[in-house]
Structures are given as C-alpha cells and as structure tokens.
C-alpha cells in the first residue's frame, strides 16, 4: 500500500475555517488532522483532531500528519493549540511532545505549538481560555464522517 499526502482541504463555516491534512491510499483515508482557524486576535489554529484508521496504526502516519501541521503553522506564523485527551502514559500523548508541542503549565491536557510566533504564556492562556469557554470544535459542522 502506497500512501500519499493529499493537498490539504479548506472549508469555511461562518468566521471559522477548517483545514484538513490527509494521508490516503486509493481514496481511503488512513490518517487525518483537522484544524479550525480562528481569525480573531490573536489568530490561531485549534488542532481539533488527529486520527488514524485502526487498521493502519503503528506505522508513523500520525507523526507524518503532525509534522505537516507543524510545518504549516511555522510557514504561516500562527499559534497551534490542542486539547490532548490521551492519558499521559499513552504513547499517543508523547507524539505531540516529541514533535515540539509544549504542555501548558496552567491548564492540564492543553498543549501548544509556538515555534513560528513568539507569544507569551499569558497570550497563550487567553487563547486556551477562549477555547474552553467557546467549545468551537464541538459546534463545528465537520464535512465528513470521522475515521473508524
């Protein structure tokens, strides 16, 4: 099976934009990341999900996708934020740390990627508080069914 990274897709819903990064083979999505862009000040991307098809786990696909996401954030000089709901001893939790995502000292389970933008901790905490209060990912109408 020869996977390929598809050009990332963009969808707009109200004032938010969804960017999807996919690895697929013959039309089957093997792994994908979904980022929701908030155009308010400061502009940031919320990494709403990073998933790999159960049949294709342990092949480094999530790491490939995450590296593409990181490169995208760096090239666009935008902060990335995520709520990591994996247990700390789960290997999936470590993928983010190994790829430059930092854990919030103030909010457990929240991580950020700030290599392209020199934001201070308080600015990052303000973004996290916004996400906690607004629940954007819960309200976003994702265009396709999630990976099984």
Foldseek 3Di string as FASTA:
>chain_A
DDKDWDDWDWDDDPQKIKTKTFIDDPPHTFKMWIWIWHVPPPTAIEGEDTDGAPVDPPPCPSLVRVLVVLVVCQVVLHKYKYQAPDDPPDVVVVSCVVNQWAAQPVDPRMIMHRPNHDDDNVVVVVVVVVCVVPVVSVPDDDPDDDHD
